[in-house]
Amino acid sequence: MSKENIVCLCNYITEEDIIEAVKNGASNLEDVKARTGARSGICKGGRCSYRIKHIIEDYR
């Protein structure tokens, strides 16, 4: 797993994981969290929410 592809550093969730969740119906940050576990680590999305929002916009 390439470090550049990790979006959620706390839980090691990759960009590919986020894209797959969006393609399978995740349409907001809470949906992505429920499907992938991103934003549920120690920082509670403080580091990754911005990037996840952009991935959702790009792949929705």
PDB file of N, CA and C in Angstrom:
ATOM      1  N   MET A   1       0.852  -1.171   0.000  1.00  0.00           N
ATOM      2  CA  MET A   1       0.000   0.000   0.000  1.00  0.00           C
ATOM      3  C   MET A   1       0.896   1.231   0.000  1.00  0.00           C
ATOM      4  N   SER A   2       0.687   2.078  -0.960  1.00  0.00           N
ATOM      5  CA  SER A   2       1.486   3.286  -1.089  1.00  0.00           C
ATOM      6  C   SER A   2       1.011   4.332  -0.090  1.00  0.00           C
ATOM      7  N   LYS A   3       1.950   4.969   0.587  1.00  0.00           N
ATOM      8  CA  LYS A   3       1.599   5.993   1.568  1.00  0.00           C
ATOM      9  C   LYS A   3       0.841   7.149   0.927  1.00  0.00           C
ATOM     10  N   GLU A   4       1.124   7.449  -0.339  1.00  0.00           N
ATOM     11  CA  GLU A   4       0.444   8.543  -1.030  1.00  0.00           C
ATOM     12  C   GLU A   4      -1.042   8.261  -1.196  1.00  0.00           C
ATOM     13  N   ASN A   5      -1.421   7.003  -1.234  1.00  0.00           N
ATOM     14  CA  ASN A   5      -2.817   6.630  -1.447  1.00  0.00           C
ATOM     15  C   ASN A   5      -3.618   6.556  -0.157  1.00  0.00           C
ATOM     16  N   ILE A   6      -2.961   6.669   0.990  1.00  0.00           N
ATOM     17  CA  ILE A   6      -3.673   6.615   2.260  1.00  0.00           C
ATOM     18  C   ILE A   6      -4.321   7.969   2.518  1.00  0.00           C
ATOM     19  N   VAL A   7      -5.635   7.956   2.690  1.00  0.00           N
ATOM     20  CA  VAL A   7      -6.383   9.181   2.961  1.00  0.00           C
ATOM     21  C   VAL A   7      -6.568   9.342   4.466  1.00  0.00           C
ATOM     22  N   CYS A   8      -7.014   8.294   5.122  1.00  0.00           N
ATOM     23  CA  CYS A   8      -7.216   8.314   6.574  1.00  0.00           C
ATOM     24  C   CYS A   8      -5.997   7.660   7.216  1.00  0.00           C
ATOM     25  N   LEU A   9      -5.119   8.494   7.750  1.00  0.00           N
ATOM     26  CA  LEU A   9      -3.879   7.979   8.321  1.00  0.00           C
ATOM     27  C   LEU A   9      -4.116   7.183   9.598  1.00  0.00           C
ATOM     28  N   CYS A  10      -5.142   7.529  10.350  1.00  0.00           N
ATOM     29  CA  CYS A  10      -5.421   6.828  11.606  1.00  0.00           C
ATOM     30  C   CYS A  10      -5.803   5.367  11.372  1.00  0.00           C
ATOM     31  N   ASN A  11      -6.607   5.128  10.338  1.00  0.00           N
ATOM     32  CA  ASN A  11      -7.125   3.780  10.085  1.00  0.00           C
ATOM     33  C   ASN A  11      -6.615   3.165   8.785  1.00  0.00           C
ATOM     34  N   TYR A  12      -5.656   3.821   8.159  1.00  0.00           N
ATOM     35  CA  TYR A  12      -5.043   3.315   6.924  1.00  0.00           C
ATOM     36  C   TYR A  12      -6.075   3.040   5.831  1.00  0.00           C
ATOM     37  N   ILE A  13      -7.004   3.975   5.652  1.00  0.00           N
ATOM     38  CA  ILE A  13      -8.018   3.864   4.608  1.00  0.00           C
ATOM     39  C   ILE A  13      -7.477   4.546   3.360  1.00  0.00           C
ATOM     40  N   THR A  14      -7.495   3.840   2.242  1.00  0.00           N
ATOM     41  CA  THR A  14      -6.900   4.365   1.017  1.00  0.00           C
ATOM     42  C   THR A  14      -7.901   5.153   0.181  1.00  0.00           C
ATOM     43  N   GLU A  15      -7.360   5.890  -0.763  1.00  0.00           N
ATOM     44  CA  GLU A  15      -8.201   6.611  -1.717  1.00  0.00           C
ATOM     45  C   GLU A  15      -9.089   5.629  -2.471  1.00  0.00           C
ATOM     46  N   GLU A  16      -8.547   4.482  -2.814  1.00  0.00           N
ATOM     47  CA  GLU A  16      -9.318   3.464  -3.522  1.00  0.00           C
ATOM     48  C   GLU A  16     -10.500   2.978  -2.681  1.00  0.00           C
ATOM     49  N   ASP A  17     -10.296   2.836  -1.367  1.00  0.00           N
ATOM     50  CA  ASP A  17     -11.389   2.440  -0.471  1.00  0.00           C
ATOM     51  C   ASP A  17     -12.509   3.479  -0.491  1.00  0.00           C
ATOM     52  N   ILE A  18     -12.130   4.753  -0.466  1.00  0.00           N
ATOM     53  CA  ILE A  18     -13.112   5.841  -0.474  1.00  0.00           C
ATOM     54  C   ILE A  18     -13.858   5.857  -1.810  1.00  0.00           C
ATOM     55  N   ILE A  19     -13.123   5.739  -2.910  1.00  0.00           N
ATOM     56  CA  ILE A  19     -13.746   5.740  -4.241  1.00  0.00           C
ATOM     57  C   ILE A  19     -14.735   4.588  -4.363  1.00  0.00           C
ATOM     58  N   GLU A  20     -14.352   3.412  -3.907  1.00  0.00           N
ATOM     59  CA  GLU A  20     -15.248   2.253  -3.972  1.00  0.00           C
ATOM     60  C   GLU A  20     -16.519   2.505  -3.159  1.00  0.00           C
ATOM     61  N   ALA A  21     -16.374   3.099  -1.977  1.00  0.00           N
ATOM     62  CA  ALA A  21     -17.544   3.404  -1.150  1.00  0.00           C
ATOM     63  C   ALA A  21     -18.478   4.371  -1.864  1.00  0.00           C
ATOM     64  N   VAL A  22     -17.915   5.388  -2.512  1.00  0.00           N
ATOM     65  CA  VAL A  22     -18.730   6.367  -3.238  1.00  0.00           C
ATOM     66  C   VAL A  22     -19.433   5.700  -4.416  1.00  0.00           C
ATOM     67  N   LYS A  23     -18.712   4.871  -5.138  1.00  0.00           N
ATOM     68  CA  LYS A  23     -19.320   4.176  -6.274  1.00  0.00           C
ATOM     69  C   LYS A  23     -20.426   3.223  -5.830  1.00  0.00           C
ATOM     70  N   ASN A  24     -20.361   2.781  -4.572  1.00  0.00           N
ATOM     71  CA  ASN A  24     -21.378   1.881  -4.029  1.00  0.00           C
ATOM     72  C   ASN A  24     -22.450   2.620  -3.230  1.00  0.00           C
ATOM     73  N   GLY A  25     -22.521   3.940  -3.396  1.00  0.00           N
ATOM     74  CA  GLY A  25     -23.636   4.672  -2.817  1.00  0.00           C
ATOM     75  C   GLY A  25     -23.342   5.672  -1.728  1.00  0.00           C
ATOM     76  N   ALA A  26     -22.128   5.709  -1.204  1.00  0.00           N
ATOM     77  CA  ALA A  26     -21.810   6.706  -0.178  1.00  0.00           C
ATOM     78  C   ALA A  26     -21.857   8.091  -0.809  1.00  0.00           C
ATOM     79  N   SER A  27     -22.641   8.987  -0.217  1.00  0.00           N
ATOM     80  CA  SER A  27     -22.808  10.307  -0.828  1.00  0.00           C
ATOM     81  C   SER A  27     -22.408  11.455   0.087  1.00  0.00           C
ATOM     82  N   ASN A  28     -21.942  11.133   1.295  1.00  0.00           N
ATOM     83  CA  ASN A  28     -21.496  12.178   2.214  1.00  0.00           C
ATOM     84  C   ASN A  28     -20.468  11.593   3.187  1.00  0.00           C
ATOM     85  N   LEU A  29     -19.938  12.447   4.042  1.00  0.00           N
ATOM     86  CA  LEU A  29     -18.880  12.014   4.954  1.00  0.00           C
ATOM     87  C   LEU A  29     -19.339  10.904   5.900  1.00  0.00           C
ATOM     88  N   GLU A  30     -20.553  10.999   6.395  1.00  0.00           N
ATOM     89  CA  GLU A  30     -21.054   9.970   7.312  1.00  0.00           C
ATOM     90  C   GLU A  30     -21.220   8.622   6.613  1.00  0.00           C
ATOM     91  N   ASP A  31     -21.671   8.642   5.367  1.00  0.00           N
ATOM     92  CA  ASP A  31     -21.779   7.394   4.596  1.00  0.00           C
ATOM     93  C   ASP A  31     -20.407   6.749   4.421  1.00  0.00           C
ATOM     94  N   VAL A  32     -19.415   7.560   4.072  1.00  0.00           N
ATOM     95  CA  VAL A  32     -18.056   7.044   3.881  1.00  0.00           C
ATOM     96  C   VAL A  32     -17.524   6.475   5.194  1.00  0.00           C
ATOM     97  N   LYS A  33     -17.776   7.167   6.284  1.00  0.00           N
ATOM     98  CA  LYS A  33     -17.341   6.686   7.600  1.00  0.00           C
ATOM     99  C   LYS A  33     -17.962   5.324   7.909  1.00  0.00           C
ATOM    100  N   ALA A  34     -19.262   5.202   7.670  1.00  0.00           N
ATOM    101  CA  ALA A  34     -19.962   3.944   7.957  1.00  0.00           C
ATOM    102  C   ALA A  34     -19.458   2.796   7.095  1.00  0.00           C
ATOM    103  N   ARG A  35     -19.113   3.082   5.854  1.00  0.00           N
ATOM    104  CA  ARG A  35     -18.709   2.027   4.918  1.00  0.00           C
ATOM    105  C   ARG A  35     -17.232   1.668   5.006  1.00  0.00           C
ATOM    106  N   THR A  36     -16.382   2.620   5.435  1.00  0.00           N
ATOM    107  CA  THR A  36     -14.940   2.372   5.392  1.00  0.00           C
ATOM    108  C   THR A  36     -14.240   2.455   6.743  1.00  0.00           C
ATOM    109  N   GLY A  37     -14.812   3.175   7.679  1.00  0.00           N
ATOM    110  CA  GLY A  37     -14.131   3.417   8.950  1.00  0.00           C
ATOM    111  C   GLY A  37     -13.282   4.674   8.934  1.00  0.00           C
ATOM    112  N   ALA A  38     -13.193   5.328   7.780  1.00  0.00           N
ATOM    113  CA  ALA A  38     -12.466   6.600   7.707  1.00  0.00           C
ATOM    114  C   ALA A  38     -13.171   7.610   8.600  1.00  0.00           C
ATOM    115  N   ARG A  39     -12.403   8.506   9.215  1.00  0.00           N
ATOM    116  CA  ARG A  39     -12.913   9.543  10.110  1.00  0.00           C
ATOM    117  C   ARG A  39     -13.307   9.003  11.479  1.00  0.00           C
ATOM    118  N   SER A  40     -12.976   7.754  11.786  1.00  0.00           N
ATOM    119  CA  SER A  40     -13.331   7.209  13.097  1.00  0.00           C
ATOM    120  C   SER A  40     -12.097   6.925  13.945  1.00  0.00           C
ATOM    121  N   GLY A  41     -10.969   7.439  13.517  1.00  0.00           N
ATOM    122  CA  GLY A  41      -9.734   7.250  14.265  1.00  0.00           C
ATOM    123  C   GLY A  41      -9.542   8.325  15.318  1.00  0.00           C
ATOM    124  N   ILE A  42      -8.345   8.414  15.815  1.00  0.00           N
ATOM    125  CA  ILE A  42      -8.033   9.323  16.917  1.00  0.00           C
ATOM    126  C   ILE A  42      -8.288  10.788  16.574  1.00  0.00           C
ATOM    127  N   CYS A  43      -8.133  11.184  15.321  1.00  0.00           N
ATOM    128  CA  CYS A  43      -8.322  12.599  14.952  1.00  0.00           C
ATOM    129  C   CYS A  43      -9.764  12.914  14.581  1.00  0.00           C
ATOM    130  N   LYS A  44     -10.620  11.896  14.510  1.00  0.00           N
ATOM    131  CA  LYS A  44     -12.050  12.071  14.193  1.00  0.00           C
ATOM    132  C   LYS A  44     -12.281  12.834  12.891  1.00  0.00           C
ATOM    133  N   GLY A  45     -11.412  12.602  11.914  1.00  0.00           N
ATOM    134  CA  GLY A  45     -11.581  13.225  10.600  1.00  0.00           C
ATOM    135  C   GLY A  45     -10.886  14.558  10.433  1.00  0.00           C
ATOM    136  N   GLY A  46     -10.177  14.994  11.447  1.00  0.00           N
ATOM    137  CA  GLY A  46      -9.491  16.281  11.370  1.00  0.00           C
ATOM    138  C   GLY A  46      -8.464  16.355  10.254  1.00  0.00           C
ATOM    139  N   ARG A  47      -7.851  15.241   9.938  1.00  0.00           N
ATOM    140  CA  ARG A  47      -6.829  15.209   8.886  1.00  0.00           C
ATOM    141  C   ARG A  47      -7.380  14.830   7.519  1.00  0.00           C
ATOM    142  N   CYS A  48      -8.453  14.059   7.476  1.00  0.00           N
ATOM    143  CA  CYS A  48      -8.861  13.472   6.198  1.00  0.00           C
ATOM    144  C   CYS A  48     -10.181  13.977   5.629  1.00  0.00           C
ATOM    145  N   SER A  49     -10.989  14.646   6.414  1.00  0.00           N
ATOM    146  CA  SER A  49     -12.326  15.037   5.941  1.00  0.00           C
ATOM    147  C   SER A  49     -12.279  15.883   4.683  1.00  0.00           C
ATOM    148  N   TYR A  50     -11.367  16.835   4.624  1.00  0.00           N
ATOM    149  CA  TYR A  50     -11.270  17.718   3.456  1.00  0.00           C
ATOM    150  C   TYR A  50     -11.007  16.905   2.191  1.00  0.00           C
ATOM    151  N   ARG A  51     -10.051  16.003   2.275  1.00  0.00           N
ATOM    152  CA  ARG A  51      -9.712  15.181   1.104  1.00  0.00           C
ATOM    153  C   ARG A  51     -10.864  14.240   0.737  1.00  0.00           C
ATOM    154  N   ILE A  52     -11.522  13.679   1.723  1.00  0.00           N
ATOM    155  CA  ILE A  52     -12.655  12.791   1.454  1.00  0.00           C
ATOM    156  C   ILE A  52     -13.774  13.550   0.764  1.00  0.00           C
ATOM    157  N   LYS A  53     -14.052  14.777   1.205  1.00  0.00           N
ATOM    158  CA  LYS A  53     -15.087  15.600   0.556  1.00  0.00           C
ATOM    159  C   LYS A  53     -14.801  15.752  -0.928  1.00  0.00           C
ATOM    160  N   HIS A  54     -13.543  16.003  -1.270  1.00  0.00           N
ATOM    161  CA  HIS A  54     -13.180  16.176  -2.675  1.00  0.00           C
ATOM    162  C   HIS A  54     -13.306  14.873  -3.460  1.00  0.00           C
ATOM    163  N   ILE A  55     -12.976  13.767  -2.856  1.00  0.00           N
ATOM    164  CA  ILE A  55     -13.138  12.477  -3.528  1.00  0.00           C
ATOM    165  C   ILE A  55     -14.622  12.218  -3.787  1.00  0.00           C
ATOM    166  N   ILE A  56     -15.464  12.509  -2.804  1.00  0.00           N
ATOM    167  CA  ILE A  56     -16.912  12.333  -2.991  1.00  0.00           C
ATOM    168  C   ILE A  56     -17.390  13.184  -4.159  1.00  0.00           C
ATOM    169  N   GLU A  57     -16.975  14.440  -4.206  1.00  0.00           N
ATOM    170  CA  GLU A  57     -17.384  15.337  -5.292  1.00  0.00           C
ATOM    171  C   GLU A  57     -16.910  14.829  -6.651  1.00  0.00           C
ATOM    172  N   ASP A  58     -15.701  14.303  -6.702  1.00  0.00           N
ATOM    173  CA  ASP A  58     -15.126  13.845  -7.970  1.00  0.00           C
ATOM    174  C   ASP A  58     -15.760  12.557  -8.489  1.00  0.00           C
ATOM    175  N   TYR A  59     -16.221  11.689  -7.598  1.00  0.00           N
ATOM    176  CA  TYR A  59     -16.688  10.364  -8.021  1.00  0.00           C
ATOM    177  C   TYR A  59     -18.178  10.139  -7.832  1.00  0.00           C
ATOM    178  N   ARG A  60     -18.903  11.127  -7.377  1.00  0.00           N
ATOM    179  CA  ARG A  60     -20.343  10.985  -7.168  1.00  0.00           C
ATOM    180  C   ARG A  60     -21.066  11.028  -8.476  1.00  0.00           C
TER     181      ARG A  60
END
